[in-house]
Amino acid sequence: MSQLDGAQVAFPRWQPSRLITGGYWRSAAACRSADPELFFPISDSGKSLEQVAEAKAICAGCPVRNDCLAFALRTGQVDGIWGGTTTHERASHGEAWSAGR
């Protein structure tokens, strides 16, 4: 576990499933029916923090969360919530994830 902004955040060692190779993981994503805007907050403060929390809550129960995170890391997604992580969380832990491949 890691401590970010007073909250404990789990950074699982991701292992892409066979779904990620064909990109089929997206059809099983919990966010599929959510408003995409929710996963792309415009700031790191104020009401955007509520938006981040709501997006992360959706990700928490997602069956393909690790696939989503793996995709974001592999393709260098800079913006948005991916696999339950923020831009800053991915940036600060990106090297550790890359080394664990």
Protein backbone atom coordinates (compact mmCIF):
# COMPACT_ATOMS: atom_id res chain seq x y z
CA MET A 1 0.00 0.00 0.00
CA SER A 2 1.06 3.51 -0.65
CA GLN A 3 -0.01 6.76 1.04
CA LEU A 4 -1.17 9.52 -1.31
CA ASP A 5 -2.84 12.71 -0.10
CA GLY A 6 -3.74 11.06 3.21
CA ALA A 7 -5.44 8.06 1.62
CA GLN A 8 -4.07 4.58 1.35
CA VAL A 9 -3.97 3.35 -2.23
CA ALA A 10 -3.27 -0.22 -3.24
CA PHE A 11 -1.07 -0.65 -6.29
CA PRO A 12 -1.48 -4.23 -7.33
CA ARG A 13 1.21 -5.83 -9.40
CA TRP A 14 -0.76 -5.95 -12.60
CA GLN A 15 -0.80 -8.97 -14.79
CA PRO A 16 -2.69 -8.52 -18.01
CA SER A 17 -5.20 -11.25 -18.70
CA ARG A 18 -5.70 -12.84 -22.07
CA LEU A 19 -8.49 -10.30 -22.66
CA ILE A 20 -6.06 -7.41 -22.98
CA THR A 21 -4.27 -8.83 -26.00
CA GLY A 22 -7.37 -8.44 -28.15
CA GLY A 23 -8.67 -5.36 -26.40
CA TYR A 24 -11.82 -7.21 -25.39
CA TRP A 25 -11.48 -6.18 -21.76
CA ARG A 26 -13.33 -2.96 -22.51
CA SER A 27 -16.60 -4.79 -23.12
CA ALA A 28 -16.45 -6.15 -19.55
CA ALA A 29 -15.49 -2.82 -17.91
CA ALA A 30 -17.67 -1.52 -15.07
CA CYS A 31 -17.39 2.00 -16.49
CA ARG A 32 -18.90 1.03 -19.83
CA SER A 33 -22.28 2.55 -18.95
CA ALA A 34 -20.90 5.49 -16.91
CA ASP A 35 -20.47 9.02 -18.19
CA PRO A 36 -16.94 9.19 -19.68
CA GLU A 37 -16.55 12.75 -18.35
CA LEU A 38 -16.48 11.26 -14.85
CA PHE A 39 -13.11 9.63 -15.59
CA PHE A 40 -11.49 12.84 -16.83
CA PRO A 41 -11.67 15.45 -14.05
CA ILE A 42 -10.59 18.95 -15.01
CA SER A 43 -8.54 19.66 -11.88
CA ASP A 44 -6.99 18.16 -8.76
CA SER A 45 -9.08 20.09 -6.25
CA GLY A 46 -12.59 21.09 -5.24
CA LYS A 47 -15.50 19.26 -6.84
CA SER A 48 -13.10 17.32 -9.03
CA LEU A 49 -11.99 15.36 -5.96
CA GLU A 50 -15.57 14.08 -5.59
CA GLN A 51 -15.51 13.13 -9.26
CA VAL A 52 -12.26 11.20 -8.77
CA ALA A 53 -13.70 9.38 -5.75
CA GLU A 54 -16.81 8.40 -7.72
CA ALA A 55 -14.74 7.14 -10.65
CA LYS A 56 -12.47 5.16 -8.34
CA ALA A 57 -15.52 3.60 -6.65
CA ILE A 58 -16.66 2.31 -10.04
CA CYS A 59 -13.17 0.98 -10.76
CA ALA A 60 -12.96 -0.74 -7.36
CA GLY A 61 -15.57 -3.29 -8.36
CA CYS A 62 -14.46 -3.69 -11.96
CA PRO A 63 -13.55 -7.21 -13.11
CA VAL A 64 -11.01 -5.89 -15.63
CA ARG A 65 -9.39 -3.20 -13.50
CA ASN A 66 -5.90 -4.66 -13.94
CA ASP A 67 -6.37 -4.91 -17.71
CA CYS A 68 -7.40 -1.27 -17.82
CA LEU A 69 -4.39 -0.20 -15.78
CA ALA A 70 -2.08 -2.32 -17.93
CA PHE A 71 -3.49 -0.69 -21.06
CA ALA A 72 -2.96 2.79 -19.63
CA LEU A 73 0.63 2.03 -18.69
CA ARG A 74 1.43 0.28 -21.95
CA THR A 75 -0.02 3.04 -24.12
CA GLY A 76 1.14 5.97 -21.99
CA GLN A 77 -2.29 7.35 -21.09
CA VAL A 78 -1.52 10.62 -19.36
CA ASP A 79 -4.99 11.92 -18.53
CA GLY A 80 -7.89 10.36 -16.72
CA ILE A 81 -8.69 7.61 -14.25
CA TRP A 82 -7.51 4.24 -15.53
CA GLY A 83 -7.67 1.03 -13.52
CA GLY A 84 -8.65 3.04 -10.46
CA THR A 85 -5.56 5.26 -10.58
CA THR A 86 -5.15 8.96 -11.24
CA THR A 87 -2.63 10.60 -13.52
CA HIS A 88 -0.42 11.41 -10.54
CA GLU A 89 -0.62 7.92 -9.08
CA ARG A 90 0.38 6.33 -12.37
CA ALA A 91 3.23 8.80 -12.86
CA SER A 92 4.65 8.30 -9.39
CA HIS A 93 4.44 4.52 -9.56
CA GLY A 94 4.96 3.99 -13.29
CA GLU A 95 8.59 3.01 -12.98
CA ALA A 96 7.79 0.37 -10.35
CA TRP A 97 5.03 -1.10 -12.52
CA SER A 98 7.26 -1.09 -15.59
CA ALA A 99 10.00 -2.88 -13.68
CA GLY A 100 7.52 -5.55 -12.54
CA ARG A 101 6.62 -6.62 -16.06
